[in-house]
Amino acid sequence: MATHLSPYIHFKDTAREAFEFYQSVLGGKLEIHTFGEFQATEDPSENDNVMHAMLTLDSGEALMGADTPKAMSEYGKEPCGFSISLSGENAEELRGQFALFAQGGTIQMPLEKQMWGDEFGMVTDKFGINWMVNIHA
C-alpha cells in the first residue's frame, strides 16, 4: 500500500467554518466528526467542535484538520511556517480559487507571470492559512 501525504491543520474553534469554506473553493467531499459524536471531551462547550474533518478532492488528495481541544492548548498555536500549494494547468479554476482565498484574507504576492514562465501568487486566507497558487505556462 502506498503512503499518502496530507496536510492536517489545527484550528481554534473555526475548523467547521474553514472546511466548509475550503469545500466551497476546492470542491470535493467533506466529512466532519465532532468531539460530542465520540464522547471525546469532558468539556460540554467542545461537543460541537470538530474532532476530525477530511476534505477529499476529486483528484484523491485530501486536506484534513480539527479544532484543538483546550486540554491541548500547546498544539493550537497560530499556524506559521508552512503553505499549501495548488498548481496545475486550469488557469480559470486556479485564478478563481486564488480570488476566493483572498476574500477576507491578505494577498502576499499577486498572481502574476513569473520569471520561470508560470503565473504564481501567494495569499493568506481569513483563517490564517497560507496558500501558494501556480498556474503552469
N, C-alpha and C. Protein backbone atom coordinates (compact mmCIF):
# COMPACT_ATOMS: atom_id res chain seq x y z
N MET A 1 0.83 -1.17 0.00
CA MET A 1 0.00 0.00 0.00
C MET A 1 0.89 1.25 0.00
N ALA A 2 0.52 2.24 -0.80
CA ALA A 2 1.29 3.48 -0.91
C ALA A 2 1.05 4.38 0.29
N THR A 3 2.04 5.19 0.59
CA THR A 3 1.90 6.20 1.64
C THR A 3 1.32 7.46 1.04
N HIS A 4 0.40 8.10 1.76
CA HIS A 4 -0.22 9.34 1.30
C HIS A 4 0.16 10.46 2.24
N LEU A 5 0.51 11.60 1.69
CA LEU A 5 0.85 12.78 2.46
C LEU A 5 -0.32 13.75 2.39
N SER A 6 -0.86 14.14 3.54
CA SER A 6 -1.99 15.07 3.58
C SER A 6 -1.75 16.10 4.67
N PRO A 7 -1.92 17.39 4.33
CA PRO A 7 -1.82 18.41 5.38
C PRO A 7 -2.92 18.22 6.42
N TYR A 8 -2.59 18.48 7.69
CA TYR A 8 -3.55 18.41 8.78
C TYR A 8 -3.44 19.73 9.53
N ILE A 9 -4.52 20.52 9.48
CA ILE A 9 -4.49 21.88 10.01
C ILE A 9 -5.26 21.92 11.33
N HIS A 10 -4.68 22.57 12.33
CA HIS A 10 -5.32 22.71 13.63
C HIS A 10 -5.87 24.12 13.77
N PHE A 11 -7.13 24.21 14.19
CA PHE A 11 -7.82 25.48 14.34
C PHE A 11 -8.23 25.70 15.78
N LYS A 12 -8.58 26.93 16.10
CA LYS A 12 -9.15 27.27 17.40
C LYS A 12 -10.63 27.56 17.19
N ASP A 13 -11.46 26.54 17.25
CA ASP A 13 -12.91 26.66 17.18
C ASP A 13 -13.46 27.14 15.83
N THR A 14 -12.67 27.11 14.77
CA THR A 14 -13.16 27.54 13.45
C THR A 14 -13.01 26.47 12.38
N ALA A 15 -12.73 25.24 12.76
CA ALA A 15 -12.48 24.18 11.77
C ALA A 15 -13.69 23.96 10.86
N ARG A 16 -14.89 23.91 11.42
CA ARG A 16 -16.07 23.67 10.58
C ARG A 16 -16.23 24.78 9.54
N GLU A 17 -16.13 26.02 9.99
CA GLU A 17 -16.26 27.16 9.07
C GLU A 17 -15.17 27.11 8.00
N ALA A 18 -13.94 26.82 8.43
CA ALA A 18 -12.82 26.76 7.49
C ALA A 18 -13.03 25.66 6.46
N PHE A 19 -13.40 24.47 6.90
CA PHE A 19 -13.54 23.35 5.96
C PHE A 19 -14.75 23.52 5.05
N GLU A 20 -15.81 24.12 5.52
CA GLU A 20 -16.93 24.41 4.63
C GLU A 20 -16.52 25.44 3.58
N PHE A 21 -15.70 26.40 3.98
CA PHE A 21 -15.15 27.38 3.04
C PHE A 21 -14.25 26.69 2.03
N TYR A 22 -13.33 25.84 2.51
CA TYR A 22 -12.41 25.15 1.60
C TYR A 22 -13.18 24.28 0.60
N GLN A 23 -14.25 23.64 1.05
CA GLN A 23 -15.05 22.84 0.13
C GLN A 23 -15.70 23.74 -0.92
N SER A 24 -16.15 24.93 -0.53
CA SER A 24 -16.76 25.84 -1.49
C SER A 24 -15.76 26.32 -2.53
N VAL A 25 -14.48 26.40 -2.15
CA VAL A 25 -13.42 26.84 -3.06
C VAL A 25 -12.89 25.69 -3.91
N LEU A 26 -12.64 24.55 -3.27
CA LEU A 26 -11.93 23.44 -3.92
C LEU A 26 -12.84 22.32 -4.40
N GLY A 27 -14.10 22.31 -3.95
CA GLY A 27 -14.98 21.19 -4.28
C GLY A 27 -14.63 19.99 -3.43
N GLY A 28 -15.08 18.83 -3.86
CA GLY A 28 -14.75 17.60 -3.16
C GLY A 28 -15.79 17.20 -2.14
N LYS A 29 -15.50 16.09 -1.45
CA LYS A 29 -16.42 15.53 -0.46
C LYS A 29 -15.89 15.85 0.94
N LEU A 30 -16.76 16.42 1.78
CA LEU A 30 -16.36 16.82 3.12
C LEU A 30 -17.01 15.92 4.15
N GLU A 31 -16.18 15.39 5.05
CA GLU A 31 -16.66 14.62 6.21
C GLU A 31 -16.23 15.36 7.46
N ILE A 32 -17.17 15.54 8.38
CA ILE A 32 -16.87 16.22 9.64
C ILE A 32 -17.42 15.39 10.79
N HIS A 33 -16.58 15.18 11.80
CA HIS A 33 -16.98 14.47 13.01
C HIS A 33 -16.65 15.35 14.21
N THR A 34 -17.56 15.40 15.17
CA THR A 34 -17.37 16.26 16.33
C THR A 34 -16.87 15.47 17.55
N PHE A 35 -16.36 16.21 18.52
CA PHE A 35 -15.94 15.59 19.78
C PHE A 35 -17.14 14.95 20.47
N GLY A 36 -18.30 15.60 20.38
CA GLY A 36 -19.50 15.08 21.01
C GLY A 36 -19.94 13.74 20.44
N GLU A 37 -19.80 13.56 19.12
CA GLU A 37 -20.17 12.29 18.49
C GLU A 37 -19.46 11.10 19.12
N PHE A 38 -18.22 11.32 19.52
CA PHE A 38 -17.39 10.23 20.04
C PHE A 38 -17.16 10.34 21.55
N GLN A 39 -17.93 11.22 22.21
CA GLN A 39 -17.74 11.45 23.65
C GLN A 39 -16.25 11.63 23.96
N ALA A 40 -15.58 12.47 23.17
CA ALA A 40 -14.14 12.62 23.26
C ALA A 40 -13.71 13.86 24.04
N THR A 41 -14.64 14.47 24.76
CA THR A 41 -14.28 15.61 25.58
C THR A 41 -15.11 15.58 26.86
N GLU A 42 -14.50 16.09 27.92
CA GLU A 42 -15.23 16.22 29.18
C GLU A 42 -15.80 17.62 29.33
N ASP A 43 -15.50 18.50 28.36
CA ASP A 43 -15.95 19.88 28.39
C ASP A 43 -17.14 20.02 27.44
N PRO A 44 -18.36 20.19 27.96
CA PRO A 44 -19.55 20.28 27.10
C PRO A 44 -19.48 21.39 26.06
N SER A 45 -18.69 22.44 26.33
CA SER A 45 -18.58 23.53 25.35
C SER A 45 -17.83 23.09 24.09
N GLU A 46 -17.16 21.93 24.14
CA GLU A 46 -16.41 21.44 22.98
C GLU A 46 -17.16 20.37 22.20
N ASN A 47 -18.36 20.00 22.62
CA ASN A 47 -19.10 18.92 21.96
C ASN A 47 -19.30 19.14 20.47
N ASP A 48 -19.58 20.38 20.06
CA ASP A 48 -19.82 20.67 18.65
C ASP A 48 -18.55 21.00 17.88
N ASN A 49 -17.42 21.07 18.56
CA ASN A 49 -16.15 21.33 17.87
C ASN A 49 -15.75 20.12 17.03
N VAL A 50 -14.97 20.39 16.01
CA VAL A 50 -14.56 19.35 15.06
C VAL A 50 -13.40 18.54 15.63
N MET A 51 -13.64 17.23 15.78
CA MET A 51 -12.59 16.32 16.20
C MET A 51 -11.75 15.89 14.99
N HIS A 52 -12.41 15.76 13.84
CA HIS A 52 -11.70 15.40 12.60
C HIS A 52 -12.54 15.82 11.40
N ALA A 53 -11.90 16.51 10.49
CA ALA A 53 -12.52 16.88 9.21
C ALA A 53 -11.61 16.40 8.09
N MET A 54 -12.22 15.92 7.03
CA MET A 54 -11.44 15.49 5.86
C MET A 54 -12.17 15.92 4.60
N LEU A 55 -11.47 16.73 3.81
CA LEU A 55 -11.97 17.17 2.52
C LEU A 55 -11.20 16.40 1.46
N THR A 56 -11.89 15.47 0.79
CA THR A 56 -11.26 14.66 -0.25
C THR A 56 -11.60 15.28 -1.60
N LEU A 57 -10.57 15.71 -2.31
CA LEU A 57 -10.77 16.35 -3.61
C LEU A 57 -11.03 15.30 -4.68
N ASP A 58 -11.55 15.74 -5.81
CA ASP A 58 -11.82 14.82 -6.92
C ASP A 58 -10.55 14.13 -7.39
N SER A 59 -9.39 14.76 -7.17
CA SER A 59 -8.10 14.18 -7.56
C SER A 59 -7.66 13.07 -6.62
N GLY A 60 -8.36 12.93 -5.48
CA GLY A 60 -7.99 11.92 -4.49
C GLY A 60 -7.15 12.47 -3.35
N GLU A 61 -6.61 13.68 -3.53
CA GLU A 61 -5.83 14.30 -2.46
C GLU A 61 -6.78 14.73 -1.35
N ALA A 62 -6.26 14.85 -0.14
CA ALA A 62 -7.10 15.21 0.99
C ALA A 62 -6.45 16.30 1.82
N LEU A 63 -7.32 17.14 2.39
CA LEU A 63 -6.94 18.15 3.35
C LEU A 63 -7.69 17.79 4.63
N MET A 64 -6.97 17.72 5.74
CA MET A 64 -7.60 17.30 6.99
C MET A 64 -7.34 18.34 8.07
N GLY A 65 -8.15 18.27 9.14
CA GLY A 65 -7.95 19.19 10.23
C GLY A 65 -8.93 18.98 11.36
N ALA A 66 -8.78 19.82 12.40
CA ALA A 66 -9.61 19.71 13.59
C ALA A 66 -9.51 20.98 14.41
N ASP A 67 -10.45 21.12 15.34
CA ASP A 67 -10.34 22.14 16.38
C ASP A 67 -9.46 21.56 17.47
N THR A 68 -8.58 22.39 18.02
CA THR A 68 -7.70 21.94 19.09
C THR A 68 -8.44 22.04 20.42
N PRO A 69 -8.55 20.94 21.14
CA PRO A 69 -9.21 21.00 22.45
C PRO A 69 -8.42 21.87 23.42
N LYS A 70 -9.13 22.46 24.37
CA LYS A 70 -8.48 23.33 25.36
C LYS A 70 -7.38 22.58 26.11
N ALA A 71 -7.54 21.28 26.31
CA ALA A 71 -6.55 20.48 27.04
C ALA A 71 -5.24 20.34 26.26
N MET A 72 -5.27 20.66 24.97
CA MET A 72 -4.07 20.57 24.13
C MET A 72 -3.68 21.95 23.62
N SER A 73 -3.74 22.97 24.46
CA SER A 73 -3.53 24.35 24.03
C SER A 73 -2.19 24.57 23.35
N GLU A 74 -1.17 23.84 23.73
CA GLU A 74 0.15 23.97 23.09
C GLU A 74 0.07 23.62 21.61
N TYR A 75 -0.80 22.68 21.26
CA TYR A 75 -0.94 22.24 19.87
C TYR A 75 -1.75 23.22 19.04
N GLY A 76 -2.47 24.11 19.68
CA GLY A 76 -3.37 25.00 18.96
C GLY A 76 -2.82 26.38 18.67
N LYS A 77 -1.52 26.52 18.61
CA LYS A 77 -0.93 27.82 18.31
C LYS A 77 -1.27 28.22 16.87
N GLU A 78 -1.20 29.53 16.64
CA GLU A 78 -1.46 30.04 15.29
C GLU A 78 -0.54 29.35 14.29
N PRO A 79 -1.06 29.04 13.09
CA PRO A 79 -0.21 28.40 12.09
C PRO A 79 0.89 29.34 11.61
N CYS A 80 2.05 28.77 11.37
CA CYS A 80 3.16 29.53 10.80
C CYS A 80 4.14 28.55 10.18
N GLY A 81 4.93 29.04 9.26
CA GLY A 81 5.99 28.23 8.72
C GLY A 81 5.58 27.20 7.68
N PHE A 82 4.38 27.33 7.10
CA PHE A 82 4.01 26.40 6.04
C PHE A 82 3.01 27.07 5.10
N SER A 83 2.92 26.53 3.90
CA SER A 83 1.92 26.95 2.91
C SER A 83 1.37 25.70 2.26
N ILE A 84 0.15 25.80 1.77
CA ILE A 84 -0.43 24.73 0.97
C ILE A 84 -0.36 25.19 -0.47
N SER A 85 0.16 24.35 -1.33
CA SER A 85 0.39 24.70 -2.72
C SER A 85 -0.67 24.06 -3.62
N LEU A 86 -1.25 24.89 -4.47
CA LEU A 86 -2.14 24.41 -5.53
C LEU A 86 -1.47 24.72 -6.86
N SER A 87 -1.39 23.74 -7.74
CA SER A 87 -0.78 24.00 -9.04
C SER A 87 -1.46 23.16 -10.10
N GLY A 88 -1.40 23.64 -11.31
CA GLY A 88 -1.99 22.92 -12.43
C GLY A 88 -2.08 23.79 -13.66
N GLU A 89 -2.81 23.30 -14.63
CA GLU A 89 -2.93 23.99 -15.92
C GLU A 89 -4.26 24.70 -16.10
N ASN A 90 -5.25 24.43 -15.25
CA ASN A 90 -6.57 25.04 -15.39
C ASN A 90 -6.53 26.46 -14.81
N ALA A 91 -6.13 27.41 -15.66
CA ALA A 91 -5.92 28.79 -15.22
C ALA A 91 -7.19 29.42 -14.66
N GLU A 92 -8.31 29.19 -15.31
CA GLU A 92 -9.57 29.80 -14.85
C GLU A 92 -9.92 29.30 -13.44
N GLU A 93 -9.82 28.01 -13.23
CA GLU A 93 -10.13 27.43 -11.91
C GLU A 93 -9.18 27.96 -10.84
N LEU A 94 -7.88 27.94 -11.12
CA LEU A 94 -6.88 28.36 -10.13
C LEU A 94 -6.97 29.86 -9.83
N ARG A 95 -7.24 30.68 -10.85
CA ARG A 95 -7.42 32.12 -10.61
C ARG A 95 -8.64 32.36 -9.72
N GLY A 96 -9.71 31.60 -9.97
CA GLY A 96 -10.91 31.72 -9.16
C GLY A 96 -10.67 31.31 -7.71
N GLN A 97 -9.91 30.23 -7.52
CA GLN A 97 -9.60 29.78 -6.17
C GLN A 97 -8.74 30.81 -5.43
N PHE A 98 -7.77 31.36 -6.13
CA PHE A 98 -6.92 32.40 -5.54
C PHE A 98 -7.78 33.58 -5.08
N ALA A 99 -8.70 34.01 -5.93
CA ALA A 99 -9.57 35.14 -5.60
C ALA A 99 -10.45 34.83 -4.39
N LEU A 100 -10.96 33.60 -4.30
CA LEU A 100 -11.80 33.23 -3.17
C LEU A 100 -10.99 33.18 -1.87
N PHE A 101 -9.77 32.65 -1.93
CA PHE A 101 -8.92 32.63 -0.73
C PHE A 101 -8.60 34.06 -0.29
N ALA A 102 -8.51 34.98 -1.23
CA ALA A 102 -8.17 36.37 -0.91
C ALA A 102 -9.33 37.11 -0.23
N GLN A 103 -10.56 36.65 -0.43
CA GLN A 103 -11.71 37.31 0.19
C GLN A 103 -11.61 37.19 1.71
N GLY A 104 -11.46 38.31 2.36
CA GLY A 104 -11.30 38.31 3.81
C GLY A 104 -9.90 37.97 4.26
N GLY A 105 -9.03 37.67 3.31
CA GLY A 105 -7.65 37.33 3.61
C GLY A 105 -6.71 38.43 3.14
N THR A 106 -5.44 38.07 2.93
CA THR A 106 -4.42 39.04 2.52
C THR A 106 -3.59 38.45 1.39
N ILE A 107 -3.53 39.17 0.29
CA ILE A 107 -2.65 38.75 -0.81
C ILE A 107 -1.22 39.11 -0.43
N GLN A 108 -0.37 38.10 -0.36
CA GLN A 108 1.04 38.31 -0.02
C GLN A 108 1.86 38.61 -1.27
N MET A 109 1.46 38.00 -2.39
CA MET A 109 2.11 38.21 -3.67
C MET A 109 1.02 38.04 -4.73
N PRO A 110 0.77 39.07 -5.54
CA PRO A 110 -0.28 38.96 -6.55
C PRO A 110 -0.02 37.80 -7.51
N LEU A 111 -1.08 37.25 -8.02
CA LEU A 111 -0.98 36.17 -9.00
C LEU A 111 -0.56 36.79 -10.32
N GLU A 112 0.72 36.62 -10.68
CA GLU A 112 1.29 37.25 -11.87
C GLU A 112 2.28 36.30 -12.54
N LYS A 113 2.55 36.61 -13.81
CA LYS A 113 3.54 35.83 -14.55
C LYS A 113 4.91 36.03 -13.90
N GLN A 114 5.63 34.90 -13.75
CA GLN A 114 6.93 34.92 -13.09
C GLN A 114 8.06 34.63 -14.08
N MET A 115 9.29 34.80 -13.60
CA MET A 115 10.46 34.62 -14.47
C MET A 115 10.56 33.21 -15.04
N TRP A 116 9.98 32.22 -14.37
CA TRP A 116 10.03 30.84 -14.86
C TRP A 116 8.91 30.55 -15.85
N GLY A 117 8.08 31.54 -16.12
CA GLY A 117 7.05 31.41 -17.15
C GLY A 117 5.65 31.12 -16.65
N ASP A 118 5.51 30.65 -15.42
CA ASP A 118 4.19 30.35 -14.86
C ASP A 118 3.62 31.59 -14.19
N GLU A 119 2.30 31.55 -13.96
CA GLU A 119 1.68 32.54 -13.08
C GLU A 119 1.77 31.99 -11.66
N PHE A 120 2.13 32.85 -10.73
CA PHE A 120 2.30 32.42 -9.34
C PHE A 120 1.87 33.54 -8.42
N GLY A 121 1.23 33.16 -7.30
CA GLY A 121 0.86 34.13 -6.29
C GLY A 121 0.72 33.46 -4.94
N MET A 122 0.72 34.28 -3.88
CA MET A 122 0.58 33.76 -2.53
C MET A 122 -0.47 34.58 -1.79
N VAL A 123 -1.29 33.88 -1.02
CA VAL A 123 -2.37 34.53 -0.28
C VAL A 123 -2.53 33.85 1.08
N THR A 124 -2.83 34.63 2.10
CA THR A 124 -3.18 34.10 3.41
C THR A 124 -4.68 34.25 3.56
N ASP A 125 -5.39 33.13 3.76
CA ASP A 125 -6.85 33.20 3.83
C ASP A 125 -7.32 33.76 5.17
N LYS A 126 -8.61 33.94 5.31
CA LYS A 126 -9.19 34.56 6.52
C LYS A 126 -9.01 33.71 7.77
N PHE A 127 -8.53 32.48 7.62
CA PHE A 127 -8.27 31.61 8.77
C PHE A 127 -6.78 31.58 9.13
N GLY A 128 -5.96 32.35 8.40
CA GLY A 128 -4.53 32.41 8.68
C GLY A 128 -3.72 31.35 7.96
N ILE A 129 -4.32 30.63 7.02
CA ILE A 129 -3.62 29.58 6.28
C ILE A 129 -3.02 30.17 5.01
N ASN A 130 -1.75 29.86 4.77
CA ASN A 130 -1.04 30.36 3.59
C ASN A 130 -1.23 29.42 2.41
N TRP A 131 -1.55 30.01 1.26
CA TRP A 131 -1.76 29.25 0.03
C TRP A 131 -0.82 29.81 -1.05
N MET A 132 -0.19 28.92 -1.80
CA MET A 132 0.59 29.28 -2.98
C MET A 132 -0.14 28.71 -4.19
N VAL A 133 -0.34 29.53 -5.20
CA VAL A 133 -1.03 29.08 -6.41
C VAL A 133 -0.09 29.26 -7.60
N ASN A 134 0.11 28.18 -8.36
CA ASN A 134 0.98 28.19 -9.52
C ASN A 134 0.23 27.67 -10.72
N ILE A 135 0.13 28.50 -11.75
CA ILE A 135 -0.55 28.08 -12.99
C ILE A 135 0.53 27.81 -14.03
N HIS A 136 0.61 26.55 -14.45
CA HIS A 136 1.65 26.17 -15.41
C HIS A 136 1.44 26.85 -16.75
N ALA A 137 2.56 27.32 -17.31
CA ALA A 137 2.53 28.01 -18.61
C ALA A 137 2.19 27.01 -19.71
